[in-house]
Amino acid sequence: MIDTEKFYNSLISSGFDFFAGVPDSLLKEFCSCITDKTPSERHVITANEGNAVAMCAGYHMASGKYGVTYMQNSGQGNAVNPLASLTDSDVYSIPLLLIIGWRGEPGVHDEPQHVKQGKITLGLLDVLGIEYSILDDDYESAISKAISSMKSDKPYAIIVRKDTFSKYASPKIQSDYTMTREDALESIISCLGKDDMIVSTTGKTSREIFEIREKRGESHENDFLTVGSMGHTASIAYGMALGTDRDVFCIDGDGSMLMHMGGLAVIGTSLLPNFKYIVNDNSSHESVGGQPTCTGKLDLVSILSGFGFKKIVTVDSKEGISDAIAESKSETGVAIVLKTKTGSRSDLGRPTTTPVENKESLMKKMGL
């Protein structure tokens, strides 16, 4: 196991002083260390991983220094575009350091949404022509190899396996809100009818919905649990609303909403009467370590209104949920912003059904 702070200090002493990325559960100790020790103007938690690559590219061109982009390997998909068409040697030849958490590493048990990504993590780097090393106790050598490679004006990747970094205290996000996400979800489910469908975002939101159904002795056929493809929940739900007359409730997260916000902007210009949008805002990437999102500094009401939603209802207590859901069901273009605190049960489980079983159950409910 690598001492997280020593690894960070080694990067700093080697000249790396700018960090940008999307938090990852395998990198949460490292991300916490960055947040704690790096000046805010030198660390940006981006909406998606492609943003981070682009920022590091811009930083290099202005300063001559190497930026660090951190991500879960699922973020490689978001990063492929700028890695292939911006930083690549066939285009601008811009060096940066990628630090990638290897979820779904072959031979290591992981959740189903990480299995394929784990298999292709190294292959994607090979296709992109990006040299890499898998981090071990000799992290100084990995950093030296990275610097040597980047001197040829090209990106380099360091791959991080599960349980590589030592514990580092996560920064706590202060909140004035008292409602938990799970309490809000249970209240929402209580307000929905037998024909209403749910599409829920990845991470703890979908896990909690699954367990709420179990606790209530209900089936899971009305719920699509988006276990992967972060940022695309609203688009999945909108596509479902296009294909059915049933009400489709998208339960999004603030990090997911930010990641591909352009999709929601397009949705807002042609709202369907059966598309219902709910975003849980706890200003946190809670499922991967609790790093902050920027929504605590944003006016989500104005943003959603600008996207075309006709009315935005903000709810910060369980008592207001039933009225908000009723309003959403009776009108077109109502968006609900849930204001919740961070935190979840320590014994929160994971879905016991497979993704394919989830899909097939839902499609059977649709009569297919």
Protein backbone atom coordinates (compact mmCIF):
# COMPACT_ATOMS: atom_id res chain seq x y z
CA MET A 1 0.00 0.00 0.00
CA ILE A 2 1.25 3.45 -0.94
CA ASP A 3 1.24 6.34 1.51
CA THR A 4 -1.19 8.75 -0.15
CA GLU A 5 0.40 11.93 1.12
CA LYS A 6 3.91 10.82 0.12
CA PHE A 7 2.70 10.03 -3.40
CA TYR A 8 1.05 13.45 -3.63
CA ASN A 9 4.18 15.19 -2.32
CA SER A 10 6.29 13.30 -4.85
CA LEU A 11 4.10 14.62 -7.66
CA ILE A 12 4.42 18.17 -6.31
CA SER A 13 8.20 17.94 -5.92
CA SER A 14 8.39 16.62 -9.50
CA GLY A 15 6.72 19.78 -10.80
CA PHE A 16 3.07 18.77 -11.04
CA ASP A 17 1.00 21.55 -9.51
CA PHE A 18 -2.36 21.48 -11.33
CA PHE A 19 -5.02 18.79 -10.88
CA ALA A 20 -8.35 18.33 -12.66
CA GLY A 21 -10.71 15.38 -12.83
CA VAL A 22 -13.78 13.51 -11.68
CA PRO A 23 -13.56 11.63 -8.34
CA ASP A 24 -13.34 7.84 -8.26
CA SER A 25 -13.86 5.42 -5.38
CA LEU A 26 -10.48 3.75 -6.02
CA LEU A 27 -8.83 7.17 -5.95
CA LYS A 28 -10.89 8.68 -3.13
CA GLU A 29 -7.94 8.85 -0.71
CA PHE A 30 -5.80 10.52 -3.36
CA CYS A 31 -8.65 12.87 -4.33
CA SER A 32 -9.18 13.80 -0.68
CA CYS A 33 -5.48 14.57 -0.35
CA ILE A 34 -5.57 16.77 -3.45
CA THR A 35 -8.61 18.65 -2.14
CA ASP A 36 -7.00 19.12 1.26
CA LYS A 37 -3.51 20.17 0.17
CA THR A 38 -3.86 21.90 -3.20
CA PRO A 39 -4.78 25.60 -3.51
CA SER A 40 -8.29 25.90 -4.94
CA GLU A 41 -7.05 27.69 -8.06
CA ARG A 42 -4.85 24.67 -8.84
CA HIS A 43 -7.54 21.99 -8.44
CA VAL A 44 -10.75 21.74 -10.47
CA ILE A 45 -13.33 18.98 -9.97
CA THR A 46 -14.69 18.96 -13.50
CA ALA A 47 -18.11 18.04 -14.88
CA ASN A 48 -16.58 15.20 -16.91
CA GLU A 49 -13.20 13.72 -17.70
CA GLY A 50 -12.95 15.26 -21.17
CA ASN A 51 -13.21 18.68 -19.52
CA ALA A 52 -10.27 17.76 -17.30
CA VAL A 53 -8.06 16.68 -20.22
CA ALA A 54 -8.84 19.93 -22.03
CA MET A 55 -8.06 22.03 -18.94
CA CYS A 56 -4.71 20.29 -18.46
CA ALA A 57 -3.95 20.89 -22.13
CA GLY A 58 -4.71 24.59 -21.79
CA TYR A 59 -2.68 24.82 -18.59
CA HIS A 60 0.36 23.28 -20.27
CA MET A 61 0.18 25.65 -23.23
CA ALA A 62 0.04 28.67 -20.91
CA SER A 63 2.59 27.55 -18.30
CA GLY A 64 4.77 24.87 -19.86
CA LYS A 65 3.96 22.65 -16.88
CA TYR A 66 2.31 19.22 -16.84
CA GLY A 67 -1.25 18.93 -15.57
CA VAL A 68 -2.69 15.87 -13.82
CA THR A 69 -6.06 14.45 -14.91
CA TYR A 70 -7.56 11.89 -12.52
CA MET A 71 -10.53 9.65 -13.30
CA GLN A 72 -12.21 6.29 -12.89
CA ASN A 73 -11.58 4.12 -15.95
CA SER A 74 -15.24 4.58 -16.94
CA GLY A 75 -14.23 8.16 -17.66
CA GLN A 76 -11.94 7.04 -20.46
CA GLY A 77 -14.99 7.20 -22.71
CA ASN A 78 -15.46 10.89 -21.97
CA ALA A 79 -11.73 11.53 -22.38
CA VAL A 80 -11.19 9.70 -25.71
CA ASN A 81 -12.25 12.68 -27.83
CA PRO A 82 -9.71 15.22 -26.50
CA LEU A 83 -7.04 12.53 -26.10
CA ALA A 84 -7.41 11.55 -29.76
CA SER A 85 -8.15 14.93 -31.34
CA LEU A 86 -6.38 17.44 -29.07
CA THR A 87 -3.41 16.05 -27.13
CA ASP A 88 -2.38 13.30 -29.57
CA SER A 89 0.94 13.57 -31.44
CA ASP A 90 -0.94 13.59 -34.76
CA VAL A 91 -2.66 16.81 -33.68
CA TYR A 92 -1.20 19.23 -31.07
CA SER A 93 1.18 16.91 -29.14
CA ILE A 94 0.28 18.08 -25.63
CA PRO A 95 1.63 16.21 -22.59
CA LEU A 96 -0.34 15.54 -19.42
CA LEU A 97 -0.44 12.86 -16.73
CA LEU A 98 -3.50 10.61 -16.49
CA ILE A 99 -4.14 8.85 -13.17
CA ILE A 100 -6.81 6.20 -13.75
CA GLY A 101 -8.60 4.03 -11.19
CA TRP A 102 -8.85 0.47 -12.54
CA ARG A 103 -12.39 -0.61 -11.65
CA GLY A 104 -13.26 -4.09 -12.90
CA GLU A 105 -9.68 -5.26 -13.21
CA PRO A 106 -9.79 -8.81 -14.62
CA GLY A 107 -9.68 -11.35 -11.79
CA VAL A 108 -10.83 -8.82 -9.18
CA HIS A 109 -14.49 -8.96 -8.11
CA ASP A 110 -16.42 -5.82 -8.97
CA GLU A 111 -19.88 -4.61 -9.93
CA PRO A 112 -21.27 -5.60 -13.36
CA GLN A 113 -21.04 -2.10 -14.83
CA HIS A 114 -17.26 -2.15 -14.30
CA VAL A 115 -16.48 -5.57 -15.81
CA LYS A 116 -16.27 -4.59 -19.48
CA GLN A 117 -14.50 -1.33 -18.73
CA GLY A 118 -11.95 -3.21 -16.63
CA LYS A 119 -11.23 -5.58 -19.51
CA ILE A 120 -10.58 -2.79 -22.01
CA THR A 121 -8.82 -0.22 -19.80
CA LEU A 122 -5.29 -1.01 -20.94
CA GLY A 123 -6.38 -1.79 -24.49
CA LEU A 124 -7.91 1.66 -24.89
CA LEU A 125 -4.61 3.23 -23.89
CA ASP A 126 -2.81 0.99 -26.39
CA VAL A 127 -5.19 2.05 -29.17
CA LEU A 128 -4.64 5.70 -28.27
CA GLY A 129 -0.88 5.18 -28.25
CA ILE A 130 -0.59 6.28 -24.62
CA GLU A 131 2.21 4.68 -22.63
CA TYR A 132 1.36 3.64 -19.09
CA SER A 133 2.54 1.93 -15.94
CA ILE A 134 0.58 0.13 -13.23
CA LEU A 135 1.29 1.78 -9.89
CA ASP A 136 3.12 -0.24 -7.24
CA ASP A 137 5.21 0.57 -4.18
CA ASP A 138 7.97 2.02 -6.36
CA TYR A 139 5.85 5.02 -7.27
CA GLU A 140 8.91 7.21 -7.74
CA SER A 141 9.85 5.12 -10.78
CA ALA A 142 6.34 5.48 -12.21
CA ILE A 143 6.52 9.26 -11.86
CA SER A 144 9.99 9.33 -13.43
CA LYS A 145 8.80 7.21 -16.38
CA ALA A 146 5.85 9.55 -16.80
CA ILE A 147 8.03 12.65 -16.91
CA SER A 148 10.48 11.03 -19.33
CA SER A 149 7.63 10.09 -21.67
CA MET A 150 5.95 13.49 -21.45
CA LYS A 151 9.16 15.21 -22.48
CA SER A 152 8.27 13.87 -25.94
CA ASP A 153 5.09 15.97 -25.73
CA LYS A 154 2.57 13.18 -25.23
CA PRO A 155 0.22 12.02 -22.45
CA TYR A 156 1.22 9.28 -20.03
CA ALA A 157 -1.04 7.20 -17.77
CA ILE A 158 -0.58 5.71 -14.31
CA ILE A 159 -3.08 2.93 -13.59
CA VAL A 160 -4.22 2.48 -9.97
CA ARG A 161 -5.49 -0.84 -8.65
CA LYS A 162 -7.99 -1.31 -5.84
CA ASP A 163 -6.64 -0.63 -2.31
CA THR A 164 -3.46 1.00 -3.61
CA PHE A 165 -3.58 4.14 -1.46
CA SER A 166 -3.52 4.46 2.32
CA LYS A 167 -6.40 6.07 4.17
CA TYR A 168 -6.68 9.85 4.04
CA ALA A 169 -9.39 11.74 5.89
CA SER A 170 -12.06 12.96 3.49
CA PRO A 171 -13.08 16.61 3.72
CA LYS A 172 -16.56 16.97 5.18
CA ILE A 173 -19.21 18.89 3.26
CA GLN A 174 -21.23 21.10 5.58
CA SER A 175 -24.96 21.19 4.95
CA ASP A 176 -27.89 23.06 6.43
CA TYR A 177 -30.33 20.45 5.13
CA THR A 178 -31.78 17.67 7.28
CA MET A 179 -33.48 15.41 4.73
CA THR A 180 -31.57 12.32 3.67
CA ARG A 181 -31.67 11.11 0.10
CA GLU A 182 -33.11 7.74 1.15
CA ASP A 183 -35.96 9.38 3.06
CA ALA A 184 -36.70 11.55 0.02
CA LEU A 185 -36.69 8.53 -2.29
CA GLU A 186 -39.05 6.59 -0.05
CA SER A 187 -41.46 9.53 -0.01
CA ILE A 188 -41.30 9.81 -3.81
CA ILE A 189 -42.01 6.12 -4.29
CA SER A 190 -44.97 6.37 -1.91
CA CYS A 191 -46.48 9.06 -4.17
CA LEU A 192 -46.19 7.12 -7.43
CA GLY A 193 -48.85 4.94 -9.03
CA LYS A 194 -48.56 1.35 -10.22
CA ASP A 195 -48.01 2.45 -13.82
CA ASP A 196 -45.40 5.14 -13.10
CA MET A 197 -41.84 4.33 -14.12
CA ILE A 198 -38.55 5.40 -12.52
CA VAL A 199 -35.16 5.86 -14.14
CA SER A 200 -32.60 6.49 -11.41
CA THR A 201 -29.01 7.66 -11.59
CA THR A 202 -25.96 5.55 -10.88
CA GLY A 203 -24.49 5.04 -7.42
CA LYS A 204 -26.27 5.13 -4.09
CA THR A 205 -29.53 6.50 -5.50
CA SER A 206 -30.25 3.31 -7.44
CA ARG A 207 -29.01 1.15 -4.56
CA GLU A 208 -31.39 2.88 -2.15
CA ILE A 209 -34.35 2.57 -4.52
CA PHE A 210 -33.70 -1.16 -4.83
CA GLU A 211 -33.62 -1.58 -1.03
CA ILE A 212 -36.72 0.56 -0.52
CA ARG A 213 -38.64 -1.73 -2.87
CA GLU A 214 -37.32 -4.77 -1.01
CA LYS A 215 -38.32 -3.33 2.36
CA ARG A 216 -41.81 -2.58 1.08
CA GLY A 217 -42.18 -6.04 -0.45
CA GLU A 218 -42.59 -4.55 -3.93
CA SER A 219 -41.25 -5.73 -7.26
CA HIS A 220 -38.58 -3.86 -9.20
CA GLU A 221 -40.35 -3.90 -12.55
CA ASN A 222 -41.15 -0.17 -12.51
CA ASP A 223 -37.54 0.87 -11.97
CA PHE A 224 -34.60 1.16 -14.33
CA LEU A 225 -31.50 1.32 -12.14
CA THR A 226 -28.81 3.07 -14.18
CA VAL A 227 -25.81 1.36 -12.61
CA GLY A 228 -23.32 2.85 -15.11
CA SER A 229 -23.23 5.49 -17.90
CA MET A 230 -23.12 8.39 -15.46
CA GLY A 231 -24.59 11.59 -16.84
CA HIS A 232 -27.00 9.92 -19.24
CA THR A 233 -29.88 9.23 -16.85
CA ALA A 234 -32.06 12.06 -18.17
CA SER A 235 -31.53 10.97 -21.77
CA ILE A 236 -32.47 7.37 -20.95
CA ALA A 237 -35.61 8.58 -19.18
CA TYR A 238 -36.53 10.93 -22.04
CA GLY A 239 -36.11 8.13 -24.56
CA MET A 240 -38.35 5.94 -22.42
CA ALA A 241 -40.95 8.74 -22.23
CA LEU A 242 -40.90 8.92 -26.03
CA GLY A 243 -41.74 5.23 -26.23
CA THR A 244 -44.61 5.03 -23.72
CA ASP A 245 -47.63 6.94 -22.47
CA ARG A 246 -46.72 6.13 -18.87
CA ASP A 247 -45.26 8.83 -16.65
CA VAL A 248 -41.48 8.42 -16.46
CA PHE A 249 -39.76 9.92 -13.42
CA CYS A 250 -36.07 10.64 -13.90
CA ILE A 251 -34.33 10.75 -10.51
CA ASP A 252 -30.96 12.32 -11.25
CA GLY A 253 -28.02 13.40 -9.11
CA ASP A 254 -26.22 16.73 -9.15
CA GLY A 255 -22.95 15.17 -10.37
CA SER A 256 -24.77 13.21 -13.06
CA MET A 257 -26.69 16.29 -14.17
CA LEU A 258 -23.46 18.27 -14.50
CA MET A 259 -21.56 15.57 -16.39
CA HIS A 260 -23.60 15.82 -19.60
CA MET A 261 -25.76 18.86 -18.97
CA GLY A 262 -26.13 19.48 -22.69
CA GLY A 263 -28.44 16.48 -22.90
CA LEU A 264 -30.80 18.03 -20.38
CA ALA A 265 -30.69 21.35 -22.23
CA VAL A 266 -31.87 19.61 -25.40
CA ILE A 267 -34.61 17.79 -23.47
CA GLY A 268 -35.83 21.09 -22.03
CA THR A 269 -36.49 22.54 -25.47
CA SER A 270 -39.06 19.84 -26.31
CA LEU A 271 -40.53 18.67 -23.03
CA LEU A 272 -42.92 15.74 -23.08
CA PRO A 273 -45.97 15.72 -20.79
CA ASN A 274 -44.96 12.31 -19.36
CA PHE A 275 -41.30 13.18 -18.70
CA LYS A 276 -40.81 14.13 -15.03
CA TYR A 277 -37.42 15.41 -13.86
CA ILE A 278 -36.15 15.26 -10.28
CA VAL A 279 -32.56 16.12 -9.31
CA ASN A 280 -31.15 15.27 -5.90
CA ASP A 281 -28.70 18.01 -4.96
CA ASN A 282 -26.42 17.29 -2.02
CA SER A 283 -23.46 19.11 -3.67
CA SER A 284 -21.41 15.94 -3.49
CA HIS A 285 -19.99 13.04 -5.50
CA GLU A 286 -21.07 10.95 -2.54
CA SER A 287 -20.95 7.49 -4.12
CA VAL A 288 -17.23 7.75 -4.87
CA GLY A 289 -15.89 9.44 -1.75
CA GLY A 290 -17.83 12.59 -0.98
CA GLN A 291 -15.84 15.10 -3.03
CA PRO A 292 -17.81 18.32 -3.66
CA THR A 293 -19.62 19.22 -6.86
CA CYS A 294 -20.01 22.84 -7.90
CA THR A 295 -23.80 22.88 -7.47
CA GLY A 296 -23.46 24.45 -4.04
CA LYS A 297 -22.35 27.59 -5.90
CA LEU A 298 -24.96 27.38 -8.66
CA ASP A 299 -28.56 28.48 -8.99
CA LEU A 300 -30.16 25.27 -10.23
CA VAL A 301 -33.57 26.91 -10.38
CA SER A 302 -32.33 29.49 -12.89
CA ILE A 303 -30.42 26.85 -14.86
CA LEU A 304 -33.41 24.53 -15.20
CA SER A 305 -35.64 27.47 -16.05
CA GLY A 306 -33.17 28.54 -18.72
CA PHE A 307 -33.22 25.01 -20.14
CA GLY A 308 -36.96 25.33 -20.73
CA PHE A 309 -38.59 23.81 -17.66
CA LYS A 310 -41.73 25.81 -16.97
CA LYS A 311 -41.73 25.55 -13.19
CA ILE A 312 -39.08 24.48 -10.70
CA VAL A 313 -40.09 23.31 -7.24
CA THR A 314 -37.41 23.19 -4.55
CA VAL A 315 -38.05 20.72 -1.70
CA ASP A 316 -35.91 20.44 1.43
CA SER A 317 -38.17 18.32 3.66
CA LYS A 318 -40.19 15.11 3.32
CA GLU A 319 -43.39 17.05 3.96
CA GLY A 320 -43.10 18.93 0.68
CA ILE A 321 -42.53 15.93 -1.57
CA SER A 322 -46.14 14.78 -2.02
CA ASP A 323 -47.27 18.23 -3.19
CA ALA A 324 -44.29 18.50 -5.55
CA ILE A 325 -44.97 15.07 -7.09
CA ALA A 326 -48.67 15.88 -7.48
CA GLU A 327 -47.78 19.13 -9.24
CA SER A 328 -45.34 17.31 -11.49
CA LYS A 329 -47.96 14.72 -12.46
CA SER A 330 -50.61 17.32 -13.26
CA GLU A 331 -48.47 19.70 -15.33
CA THR A 332 -45.92 19.52 -18.15
CA GLY A 333 -42.45 20.93 -17.58
CA VAL A 334 -42.21 20.81 -13.78
CA ALA A 335 -38.73 20.04 -12.41
CA ILE A 336 -38.13 19.17 -8.76
CA VAL A 337 -34.89 20.02 -6.96
CA LEU A 338 -34.38 17.96 -3.80
CA LYS A 339 -32.07 19.56 -1.26
CA THR A 340 -30.58 16.78 0.88
CA LYS A 341 -27.65 16.24 3.19
CA THR A 342 -24.85 13.82 2.43
CA GLY A 343 -24.69 10.43 4.08
CA SER A 344 -26.13 6.95 3.72
CA ARG A 345 -26.57 3.82 5.78
CA SER A 346 -23.37 1.90 6.47
CA ASP A 347 -25.22 -1.34 5.67
CA LEU A 348 -26.54 -0.13 2.30
CA GLY A 349 -26.51 -3.09 -0.06
CA ARG A 350 -26.44 -3.47 -3.81
CA PRO A 351 -29.07 -4.80 -6.23
CA THR A 352 -29.28 -8.59 -6.12
CA THR A 353 -30.67 -8.75 -9.66
CA THR A 354 -28.45 -8.43 -12.72
CA PRO A 355 -28.69 -5.46 -15.11
CA VAL A 356 -30.16 -7.73 -17.79
CA GLU A 357 -32.80 -9.02 -15.35
CA ASN A 358 -33.61 -5.39 -14.47
CA LYS A 359 -34.09 -4.50 -18.15
CA GLU A 360 -36.15 -7.59 -18.96
CA SER A 361 -38.42 -7.09 -15.95
CA LEU A 362 -39.05 -3.48 -16.94
CA MET A 363 -39.78 -4.36 -20.57
CA LYS A 364 -42.21 -7.05 -19.45
CA LYS A 365 -43.97 -4.37 -17.38
CA MET A 366 -44.16 -2.33 -20.58
CA GLY A 367 -45.98 -5.26 -22.21
CA LEU A 368 -43.05 -6.28 -24.42
